[in-house]
PDB file of N, CA and C in Angstrom:
ATOM      1  N   UNK A   1     139.751  26.816 119.420  1.00  0.00           N
ATOM      2  CA  UNK A   1     140.587  25.971 120.239  1.00  0.00           C
ATOM      3  C   UNK A   1     142.006  25.884 119.675  1.00  0.00           C
ATOM      4  N   UNK A   2     142.141  25.919 118.386  1.00  0.00           N
ATOM      5  CA  UNK A   2     143.443  25.818 117.736  1.00  0.00           C
ATOM      6  C   UNK A   2     144.329  27.008 118.102  1.00  0.00           C
ATOM      7  N   UNK A   3     143.752  28.202 118.194  1.00  0.00           N
ATOM      8  CA  UNK A   3     144.547  29.392 118.518  1.00  0.00           C
ATOM      9  C   UNK A   3     145.111  29.300 119.933  1.00  0.00           C
ATOM     10  N   UNK A   4     144.328  28.785 120.863  1.00  0.00           N
ATOM     11  CA  UNK A   4     144.799  28.634 122.239  1.00  0.00           C
ATOM     12  C   UNK A   4     145.952  27.655 122.339  1.00  0.00           C
ATOM     13  N   UNK A   5     145.866  26.563 121.595  1.00  0.00           N
ATOM     14  CA  UNK A   5     146.948  25.595 121.591  1.00  0.00           C
ATOM     15  C   UNK A   5     148.211  26.184 120.989  1.00  0.00           C
ATOM     16  N   UNK A   6     148.049  26.980 119.946  1.00  0.00           N
ATOM     17  CA  UNK A   6     149.217  27.595 119.306  1.00  0.00           C
ATOM     18  C   UNK A   6     149.885  28.599 120.243  1.00  0.00           C
ATOM     19  N   UNK A   7     149.089  29.363 120.958  1.00  0.00           N
ATOM     20  CA  UNK A   7     149.648  30.321 121.919  1.00  0.00           C
ATOM     21  C   UNK A   7     150.387  29.576 123.027  1.00  0.00           C
ATOM     22  N   UNK A   8     149.787  28.494 123.528  1.00  0.00           N
ATOM     23  CA  UNK A   8     150.436  27.702 124.571  1.00  0.00           C
ATOM     24  C   UNK A   8     151.734  27.092 124.066  1.00  0.00           C
ATOM     25  N   UNK A   9     151.742  26.612 122.837  1.00  0.00           N
ATOM     26  CA  UNK A   9     152.958  26.065 122.246  1.00  0.00           C
ATOM     27  C   UNK A   9     154.062  27.116 122.182  1.00  0.00           C
ATOM     28  N   UNK A  10     153.700  28.302 121.730  1.00  0.00           N
ATOM     29  CA  UNK A  10     154.706  29.369 121.614  1.00  0.00           C
ATOM     30  C   UNK A  10     155.235  29.787 122.974  1.00  0.00           C
ATOM     31  N   UNK A  11     154.380  29.858 123.968  1.00  0.00           N
ATOM     32  CA  UNK A  11     154.831  30.232 125.316  1.00  0.00           C
ATOM     33  C   UNK A  11     155.795  29.180 125.850  1.00  0.00           C
ATOM     34  N   UNK A  12     155.433  27.911 125.687  1.00  0.00           N
ATOM     35  CA  UNK A  12     156.303  26.844 126.177  1.00  0.00           C
ATOM     36  C   UNK A  12     157.631  26.846 125.438  1.00  0.00           C
ATOM     37  N   UNK A  13     157.572  26.963 124.109  1.00  0.00           N
ATOM     38  CA  UNK A  13     158.784  26.887 123.294  1.00  0.00           C
ATOM     39  C   UNK A  13     159.687  28.101 123.464  1.00  0.00           C
ATOM     40  N   UNK A  14     159.109  29.292 123.534  1.00  0.00           N
ATOM     41  CA  UNK A  14     159.917  30.514 123.521  1.00  0.00           C
ATOM     42  C   UNK A  14     160.199  31.112 124.888  1.00  0.00           C
ATOM     43  N   UNK A  15     159.443  30.721 125.904  1.00  0.00           N
ATOM     44  CA  UNK A  15     159.630  31.332 127.226  1.00  0.00           C
ATOM     45  C   UNK A  15     160.026  30.293 128.273  1.00  0.00           C
ATOM     46  N   UNK A  16     159.209  29.278 128.428  1.00  0.00           N
ATOM     47  CA  UNK A  16     159.406  28.349 129.536  1.00  0.00           C
ATOM     48  C   UNK A  16     160.631  27.468 129.326  1.00  0.00           C
ATOM     49  N   UNK A  17     160.769  26.850 128.148  1.00  0.00           N
ATOM     50  CA  UNK A  17     161.914  25.959 127.915  1.00  0.00           C
ATOM     51  C   UNK A  17     163.261  26.671 128.064  1.00  0.00           C
ATOM     52  N   UNK A  18     163.455  27.847 127.444  1.00  0.00           N
ATOM     53  CA  UNK A  18     164.751  28.526 127.666  1.00  0.00           C
ATOM     54  C   UNK A  18     164.958  28.937 129.126  1.00  0.00           C
ATOM     55  N   UNK A  19     163.890  29.357 129.801  1.00  0.00           N
ATOM     56  CA  UNK A  19     164.008  29.727 131.205  1.00  0.00           C
ATOM     57  C   UNK A  19     164.426  28.551 132.071  1.00  0.00           C
ATOM     58  N   UNK A  20     163.841  27.378 131.795  1.00  0.00           N
ATOM     59  CA  UNK A  20     164.231  26.183 132.546  1.00  0.00           C
ATOM     60  C   UNK A  20     165.678  25.822 132.303  1.00  0.00           C
ATOM     61  N   UNK A  21     166.121  25.956 131.078  1.00  0.00           N
ATOM     62  CA  UNK A  21     167.521  25.632 130.760  1.00  0.00           C
ATOM     63  C   UNK A  21     168.479  26.587 131.476  1.00  0.00           C
ATOM     64  N   UNK A  22     168.132  27.863 131.505  1.00  0.00           N
ATOM     65  CA  UNK A  22     168.998  28.846 132.169  1.00  0.00           C
ATOM     66  C   UNK A  22     169.069  28.565 133.666  1.00  0.00           C
ATOM     67  N   UNK A  23     167.930  28.315 134.290  1.00  0.00           N
ATOM     68  CA  UNK A  23     167.920  28.074 135.726  1.00  0.00           C
ATOM     69  C   UNK A  23     168.619  26.757 136.056  1.00  0.00           C
ATOM     70  N   UNK A  24     168.436  25.722 135.217  1.00  0.00           N
ATOM     71  CA  UNK A  24     169.144  24.461 135.431  1.00  0.00           C
ATOM     72  C   UNK A  24     170.649  24.683 135.328  1.00  0.00           C
ATOM     73  N   UNK A  25     171.079  25.471 134.345  1.00  0.00           N
ATOM     74  CA  UNK A  25     172.500  25.756 134.176  1.00  0.00           C
ATOM     75  C   UNK A  25     173.048  26.519 135.378  1.00  0.00           C
ATOM     76  N   UNK A  26     172.278  27.466 135.893  1.00  0.00           N
ATOM     77  CA  UNK A  26     172.715  28.187 137.092  1.00  0.00           C
ATOM     78  C   UNK A  26     172.858  27.244 138.288  1.00  0.00           C
ATOM     79  N   UNK A  27     171.935  26.300 138.426  1.00  0.00           N
ATOM     80  CA  UNK A  27     172.034  25.307 139.496  1.00  0.00           C
ATOM     81  C   UNK A  27     173.275  24.439 139.348  1.00  0.00           C
ATOM     82  N   UNK A  28     173.593  24.078 138.106  1.00  0.00           N
ATOM     83  CA  UNK A  28     174.793  23.287 137.852  1.00  0.00           C
ATOM     84  C   UNK A  28     176.049  24.074 138.222  1.00  0.00           C
ATOM     85  N   UNK A  29     176.090  25.355 137.828  1.00  0.00           N
ATOM     86  CA  UNK A  29     177.247  26.180 138.167  1.00  0.00           C
ATOM     87  C   UNK A  29     177.359  26.381 139.674  1.00  0.00           C
ATOM     88  N   UNK A  30     176.234  26.537 140.356  1.00  0.00           N
ATOM     89  CA  UNK A  30     176.262  26.682 141.814  1.00  0.00           C
ATOM     90  C   UNK A  30     176.792  25.407 142.459  1.00  0.00           C
ATOM     91  N   UNK A  31     176.378  24.248 141.944  1.00  0.00           N
ATOM     92  CA  UNK A  31     176.878  22.976 142.457  1.00  0.00           C
ATOM     93  C   UNK A  31     178.388  22.867 142.253  1.00  0.00           C
ATOM     94  N   UNK A  32     178.860  23.200 141.068  1.00  0.00           N
ATOM     95  CA  UNK A  32     180.301  23.130 140.781  1.00  0.00           C
ATOM     96  C   UNK A  32     181.061  24.120 141.661  1.00  0.00           C
ATOM     97  N   UNK A  33     180.523  25.320 141.841  1.00  0.00           N
ATOM     98  CA  UNK A  33     181.171  26.303 142.706  1.00  0.00           C
ATOM     99  C   UNK A  33     181.229  25.786 144.150  1.00  0.00           C
ATOM    100  N   UNK A  34     180.173  25.094 144.596  1.00  0.00           N
ATOM    101  CA  UNK A  34     180.184  24.507 145.934  1.00  0.00           C
ATOM    102  C   UNK A  34     181.274  23.460 146.082  1.00  0.00           C
ATOM    103  N   UNK A  35     181.485  22.655 145.032  1.00  0.00           N
ATOM    104  CA  UNK A  35     182.567  21.672 145.064  1.00  0.00           C
ATOM    105  C   UNK A  35     183.915  22.369 145.178  1.00  0.00           C
ATOM    106  N   UNK A  36     184.102  23.431 144.391  1.00  0.00           N
ATOM    107  CA  UNK A  36     185.366  24.174 144.437  1.00  0.00           C
ATOM    108  C   UNK A  36     185.581  24.779 145.817  1.00  0.00           C
ATOM    109  N   UNK A  37     184.538  25.390 146.393  1.00  0.00           N
ATOM    110  CA  UNK A  37     184.663  25.971 147.732  1.00  0.00           C
ATOM    111  C   UNK A  37     184.976  24.900 148.779  1.00  0.00           C
ATOM    112  N   UNK A  38     184.303  23.767 148.671  1.00  0.00           N
ATOM    113  CA  UNK A  38     184.531  22.695 149.637  1.00  0.00           C
ATOM    114  C   UNK A  38     185.962  22.173 149.537  1.00  0.00           C
ATOM    115  N   UNK A  39     186.417  21.920 148.324  1.00  0.00           N
ATOM    116  CA  UNK A  39     187.781  21.424 148.149  1.00  0.00           C
ATOM    117  C   UNK A  39     188.817  22.465 148.564  1.00  0.00           C
ATOM    118  N   UNK A  40     188.538  23.734 148.334  1.00  0.00           N
ATOM    119  CA  UNK A  40     189.445  24.796 148.765  1.00  0.00           C
ATOM    120  C   UNK A  40     189.538  24.819 150.292  1.00  0.00           C
ATOM    121  N   UNK A  41     188.402  24.606 150.964  1.00  0.00           N
ATOM    122  CA  UNK A  41     188.404  24.564 152.425  1.00  0.00           C
ATOM    123  C   UNK A  41     189.158  23.358 152.952  1.00  0.00           C
ATOM    124  N   UNK A  42     189.045  22.215 152.287  1.00  0.00           N
ATOM    125  CA  UNK A  42     189.779  21.017 152.697  1.00  0.00           C
ATOM    126  C   UNK A  42     191.271  21.242 152.502  1.00  0.00           C
ATOM    127  N   UNK A  43     191.617  21.938 151.425  1.00  0.00           N
ATOM    128  CA  UNK A  43     193.035  22.225 151.158  1.00  0.00           C
ATOM    129  C   UNK A  43     193.624  23.086 152.273  1.00  0.00           C
ATOM    130  N   UNK A  44     192.828  24.007 152.789  1.00  0.00           N
ATOM    131  CA  UNK A  44     193.301  24.884 153.858  1.00  0.00           C
ATOM    132  C   UNK A  44     193.166  24.250 155.238  1.00  0.00           C
ATOM    133  N   UNK A  45     192.637  23.040 155.317  1.00  0.00           N
ATOM    134  CA  UNK A  45     192.539  22.348 156.588  1.00  0.00           C
ATOM    135  C   UNK A  45     191.276  22.651 157.369  1.00  0.00           C
ATOM    136  N   UNK A  46     190.271  23.199 156.728  1.00  0.00           N
ATOM    137  CA  UNK A  46     189.018  23.489 157.426  1.00  0.00           C
ATOM    138  C   UNK A  46     187.853  22.971 156.586  1.00  0.00           C
ATOM    139  N   UNK A  47     186.828  22.512 157.252  1.00  0.00           N
ATOM    140  CA  UNK A  47     185.635  22.042 156.550  1.00  0.00           C
ATOM    141  C   UNK A  47     184.794  23.259 156.172  1.00  0.00           C
ATOM    142  N   UNK A  48     184.457  23.355 154.919  1.00  0.00           N
ATOM    143  CA  UNK A  48     183.720  24.517 154.444  1.00  0.00           C
ATOM    144  C   UNK A  48     182.221  24.219 154.385  1.00  0.00           C
ATOM    145  N   UNK A  49     181.488  24.721 155.361  1.00  0.00           N
ATOM    146  CA  UNK A  49     180.035  24.546 155.377  1.00  0.00           C
ATOM    147  C   UNK A  49     179.396  25.308 154.233  1.00  0.00           C
ATOM    148  N   UNK A  50     179.997  26.416 153.868  1.00  0.00           N
ATOM    149  CA  UNK A  50     179.461  27.216 152.765  1.00  0.00           C
ATOM    150  C   UNK A  50     179.500  26.427 151.455  1.00  0.00           C
ATOM    151  N   UNK A  51     180.563  25.711 151.219  1.00  0.00           N
ATOM    152  CA  UNK A  51     180.670  24.886 150.018  1.00  0.00           C
ATOM    153  C   UNK A  51     179.641  23.770 150.009  1.00  0.00           C
ATOM    154  N   UNK A  52     179.435  23.146 151.159  1.00  0.00           N
ATOM    155  CA  UNK A  52     178.424  22.091 151.263  1.00  0.00           C
ATOM    156  C   UNK A  52     177.032  22.651 150.975  1.00  0.00           C
ATOM    157  N   UNK A  53     176.760  23.828 151.540  1.00  0.00           N
ATOM    158  CA  UNK A  53     175.457  24.451 151.314  1.00  0.00           C
ATOM    159  C   UNK A  53     175.242  24.756 149.836  1.00  0.00           C
ATOM    160  N   UNK A  54     176.261  25.280 149.172  1.00  0.00           N
ATOM    161  CA  UNK A  54     176.122  25.583 147.745  1.00  0.00           C
ATOM    162  C   UNK A  54     175.894  24.316 146.924  1.00  0.00           C
ATOM    163  N   UNK A  55     176.559  23.216 147.289  1.00  0.00           N
ATOM    164  CA  UNK A  55     176.336  21.958 146.575  1.00  0.00           C
ATOM    165  C   UNK A  55     174.895  21.477 146.754  1.00  0.00           C
ATOM    166  N   UNK A  56     174.382  21.573 147.976  1.00  0.00           N
ATOM    167  CA  UNK A  56     173.010  21.133 148.244  1.00  0.00           C
ATOM    168  C   UNK A  56     172.020  22.023 147.504  1.00  0.00           C
ATOM    169  N   UNK A  57     172.210  23.350 147.549  1.00  0.00           N
ATOM    170  CA  UNK A  57     171.297  24.260 146.861  1.00  0.00           C
ATOM    171  C   UNK A  57     171.335  24.056 145.352  1.00  0.00           C
ATOM    172  N   UNK A  58     172.511  23.801 144.817  1.00  0.00           N
ATOM    173  CA  UNK A  58     172.626  23.542 143.381  1.00  0.00           C
ATOM    174  C   UNK A  58     171.895  22.272 142.992  1.00  0.00           C
ATOM    175  N   UNK A  59     172.060  21.212 143.787  1.00  0.00           N
ATOM    176  CA  UNK A  59     171.352  19.958 143.507  1.00  0.00           C
ATOM    177  C   UNK A  59     169.840  20.127 143.631  1.00  0.00           C
ATOM    178  N   UNK A  60     169.395  20.848 144.648  1.00  0.00           N
ATOM    179  CA  UNK A  60     167.959  21.085 144.806  1.00  0.00           C
ATOM    180  C   UNK A  60     167.401  21.897 143.638  1.00  0.00           C
ATOM    181  N   UNK A  61     168.147  22.898 143.207  1.00  0.00           N
ATOM    182  CA  UNK A  61     167.704  23.702 142.067  1.00  0.00           C
ATOM    183  C   UNK A  61     167.578  22.867 140.804  1.00  0.00           C
ATOM    184  N   UNK A  62     168.564  22.010 140.559  1.00  0.00           N
ATOM    185  CA  UNK A  62     168.498  21.153 139.370  1.00  0.00           C
ATOM    186  C   UNK A  62     167.347  20.157 139.487  1.00  0.00           C
ATOM    187  N   UNK A  63     167.122  19.606 140.671  1.00  0.00           N
ATOM    188  CA  UNK A  63     166.025  18.673 140.875  1.00  0.00           C
ATOM    189  C   UNK A  63     164.674  19.351 140.632  1.00  0.00           C
ATOM    190  N   UNK A  64     164.526  20.558 141.117  1.00  0.00           N
ATOM    191  CA  UNK A  64     163.275  21.293 140.918  1.00  0.00           C
ATOM    192  C   UNK A  64     163.053  21.575 139.431  1.00  0.00           C
ATOM    193  N   UNK A  65     164.109  21.966 138.708  1.00  0.00           N
ATOM    194  CA  UNK A  65     163.949  22.263 137.283  1.00  0.00           C
ATOM    195  C   UNK A  65     163.611  21.015 136.478  1.00  0.00           C
ATOM    196  N   UNK A  66     164.201  19.884 136.823  1.00  0.00           N
ATOM    197  CA  UNK A  66     163.854  18.633 136.137  1.00  0.00           C
ATOM    198  C   UNK A  66     162.404  18.267 136.445  1.00  0.00           C
ATOM    199  N   UNK A  67     161.960  18.503 137.681  1.00  0.00           N
ATOM    200  CA  UNK A  67     160.573  18.221 138.047  1.00  0.00           C
ATOM    201  C   UNK A  67     159.606  19.115 137.289  1.00  0.00           C
ATOM    202  N   UNK A  68     159.931  20.390 137.168  1.00  0.00           N
ATOM    203  CA  UNK A  68     159.082  21.321 136.423  1.00  0.00           C
ATOM    204  C   UNK A  68     159.001  20.909 134.961  1.00  0.00           C
ATOM    205  N   UNK A  69     160.134  20.525 134.390  1.00  0.00           N
ATOM    206  CA  UNK A  69     160.142  20.075 133.003  1.00  0.00           C
ATOM    207  C   UNK A  69     159.264  18.831 132.847  1.00  0.00           C
ATOM    208  N   UNK A  70     159.311  17.920 133.799  1.00  0.00           N
ATOM    209  CA  UNK A  70     158.468  16.732 133.762  1.00  0.00           C
ATOM    210  C   UNK A  70     156.993  17.063 133.880  1.00  0.00           C
ATOM    211  N   UNK A  71     156.656  18.021 134.745  1.00  0.00           N
ATOM    212  CA  UNK A  71     155.265  18.434 134.899  1.00  0.00           C
ATOM    213  C   UNK A  71     154.754  19.060 133.610  1.00  0.00           C
ATOM    214  N   UNK A  72     155.576  19.879 132.974  1.00  0.00           N
ATOM    215  CA  UNK A  72     155.170  20.494 131.710  1.00  0.00           C
ATOM    216  C   UNK A  72     154.983  19.423 130.641  1.00  0.00           C
ATOM    217  N   UNK A  73     155.876  18.440 130.589  1.00  0.00           N
ATOM    218  CA  UNK A  73     155.732  17.350 129.624  1.00  0.00           C
ATOM    219  C   UNK A  73     154.456  16.559 129.895  1.00  0.00           C
ATOM    220  N   UNK A  74     154.123  16.356 131.168  1.00  0.00           N
ATOM    221  CA  UNK A  74     152.894  15.660 131.523  1.00  0.00           C
ATOM    222  C   UNK A  74     151.667  16.427 131.046  1.00  0.00           C
ATOM    223  N   UNK A  75     151.672  17.743 131.251  1.00  0.00           N
ATOM    224  CA  UNK A  75     150.551  18.574 130.804  1.00  0.00           C
ATOM    225  C   UNK A  75     150.430  18.546 129.286  1.00  0.00           C
ATOM    226  N   UNK A  76     151.552  18.692 128.596  1.00  0.00           N
ATOM    227  CA  UNK A  76     151.536  18.696 127.131  1.00  0.00           C
ATOM    228  C   UNK A  76     151.019  17.372 126.597  1.00  0.00           C
ATOM    229  N   UNK A  77     151.485  16.259 127.174  1.00  0.00           N
ATOM    230  CA  UNK A  77     151.043  14.946 126.714  1.00  0.00           C
ATOM    231  C   UNK A  77     149.595  14.656 127.094  1.00  0.00           C
ATOM    232  N   UNK A  78     149.138  15.185 128.233  1.00  0.00           N
ATOM    233  CA  UNK A  78     147.759  14.961 128.660  1.00  0.00           C
ATOM    234  C   UNK A  78     146.761  15.630 127.735  1.00  0.00           C
ATOM    235  N   UNK A  79     147.102  16.817 127.251  1.00  0.00           N
ATOM    236  CA  UNK A  79     146.193  17.543 126.372  1.00  0.00           C
ATOM    237  C   UNK A  79     146.459  17.267 124.898  1.00  0.00           C
ATOM    238  N   UNK A  80     147.425  16.413 124.597  1.00  0.00           N
ATOM    239  CA  UNK A  80     147.702  16.040 123.217  1.00  0.00           C
ATOM    240  C   UNK A  80     148.316  17.153 122.395  1.00  0.00           C
ATOM    241  N   UNK A  81     149.047  18.042 123.015  1.00  0.00           N
ATOM    242  CA  UNK A  81     149.688  19.138 122.289  1.00  0.00           C
ATOM    243  C   UNK A  81     150.958  18.637 121.629  1.00  0.00           C
ATOM    244  N   UNK A  82     151.296  19.195 120.497  1.00  0.00           N
ATOM    245  CA  UNK A  82     152.503  18.801 119.779  1.00  0.00           C
ATOM    246  C   UNK A  82     153.429  20.000 119.727  1.00  0.00           C
ATOM    247  N   UNK A  83     154.224  20.207 120.780  1.00  0.00           N
ATOM    248  CA  UNK A  83     155.082  21.388 120.846  1.00  0.00           C
ATOM    249  C   UNK A  83     156.376  21.215 120.071  1.00  0.00           C
ATOM    250  N   UNK A  84     156.700  19.998 119.665  1.00  0.00           N
ATOM    251  CA  UNK A  84     157.957  19.768 118.963  1.00  0.00           C
ATOM    252  C   UNK A  84     157.869  20.137 117.487  1.00  0.00           C
ATOM    253  N   UNK A  85     156.674  20.221 116.956  1.00  0.00           N
ATOM    254  CA  UNK A  85     156.548  20.505 115.531  1.00  0.00           C
ATOM    255  C   UNK A  85     156.640  22.007 115.276  1.00  0.00           C
ATOM    256  N   UNK A  86     157.210  22.345 114.157  1.00  0.00           N
ATOM    257  CA  UNK A  86     157.338  23.734 113.738  1.00  0.00           C
ATOM    258  C   UNK A  86     156.548  23.927 112.463  1.00  0.00           C
ATOM    259  N   UNK A  87     155.753  24.973 112.416  1.00  0.00           N
ATOM    260  CA  UNK A  87     154.945  25.252 111.240  1.00  0.00           C
ATOM    261  C   UNK A  87     155.806  25.931 110.186  1.00  0.00           C
ATOM    262  N   UNK A  88     156.122  25.205 109.120  1.00  0.00           N
ATOM    263  CA  UNK A  88     156.930  25.757 108.036  1.00  0.00           C
ATOM    264  C   UNK A  88     156.111  25.869 106.760  1.00  0.00           C
ATOM    265  N   UNK A  89     154.798  25.829 106.891  1.00  0.00           N
ATOM    266  CA  UNK A  89     153.945  25.865 105.706  1.00  0.00           C
ATOM    267  C   UNK A  89     154.013  27.211 104.988  1.00  0.00           C
ATOM    268  N   UNK A  90     154.390  28.262 105.687  1.00  0.00           N
ATOM    269  CA  UNK A  90     154.451  29.589 105.059  1.00  0.00           C
ATOM    270  C   UNK A  90     155.825  29.899 104.483  1.00  0.00           C
ATOM    271  N   UNK A  91     156.792  29.037 104.711  1.00  0.00           N
ATOM    272  CA  UNK A  91     158.144  29.259 104.213  1.00  0.00           C
ATOM    273  C   UNK A  91     158.256  28.640 102.824  1.00  0.00           C
ATOM    274  N   UNK A  92     158.683  29.450 101.875  1.00  0.00           N
ATOM    275  CA  UNK A  92     158.796  28.958 100.498  1.00  0.00           C
ATOM    276  C   UNK A  92     160.188  29.210  99.983  1.00  0.00           C
ATOM    277  N   UNK A  93     160.761  28.190  99.371  1.00  0.00           N
ATOM    278  CA  UNK A  93     162.065  28.299  98.715  1.00  0.00           C
ATOM    279  C   UNK A  93     163.132  28.939  99.603  1.00  0.00           C
ATOM    280  N   UNK A  94     163.235  28.504 100.815  1.00  0.00           N
ATOM    281  CA  UNK A  94     164.231  29.070 101.702  1.00  0.00           C
ATOM    282  C   UNK A  94     165.442  28.141 101.749  1.00  0.00           C
ATOM    283  N   UNK A  95     166.605  28.719 101.695  1.00  0.00           N
ATOM    284  CA  UNK A  95     167.843  27.989 101.775  1.00  0.00           C
ATOM    285  C   UNK A  95     168.657  28.517 102.933  1.00  0.00           C
ATOM    286  N   UNK A  96     169.478  27.698 103.553  1.00  0.00           N
ATOM    287  CA  UNK A  96     170.331  28.206 104.626  1.00  0.00           C
ATOM    288  C   UNK A  96     171.322  29.244 104.096  1.00  0.00           C
ATOM    289  N   UNK A  97     171.665  30.167 104.946  1.00  0.00           N
ATOM    290  CA  UNK A  97     172.595  31.224 104.542  1.00  0.00           C
ATOM    291  C   UNK A  97     173.985  30.646 104.298  1.00  0.00           C
ATOM    292  N   UNK A  98     174.640  31.152 103.294  1.00  0.00           N
ATOM    293  CA  UNK A  98     176.002  30.717 102.968  1.00  0.00           C
ATOM    294  C   UNK A  98     176.981  31.396 103.905  1.00  0.00           C
ATOM    295  N   UNK A  99     177.993  30.676 104.406  1.00  0.00           N
ATOM    296  CA  UNK A  99     178.957  31.309 105.308  1.00  0.00           C
ATOM    297  C   UNK A  99     179.913  32.234 104.583  1.00  0.00           C
ATOM    298  N   UNK A 100     179.877  32.250 103.243  1.00  0.00           N
ATOM    299  CA  UNK A 100     180.812  33.096 102.486  1.00  0.00           C
ATOM    300  C   UNK A 100     180.124  34.238 101.829  1.00  0.00           C
TER     301      UNK A 100
END
C-alpha cells in the first residue's frame, strides 16, 4: 500500500500540480488579453464581442482549474495522503550550491 501512495504523491507533485498551474496561468493571460481587446474596441468606438468572449473563457478556465485543484485536495485529504512532505532520508551532508 505504501508504494501506491508514493506513486500517487509523485504523480500529483510532478505532473498534476504543474499542469494545473500552467493552465491556470493561460486562463489568466486569456482573461487579460480579453480585457485589452475589449478596451481597444471601446477606444475605436465599437463594442468588441471577441474581447468579452475571451474574458469569459479565461474566467471559466481559471474557475475550472481552481475546482480541479479543490477536488484533488479533497481526494488527498480523504485518503490521508501527505503530498507536501519530501523524503530527504537518503540525502546526507548536502549543502546548497554556492553562487560563486
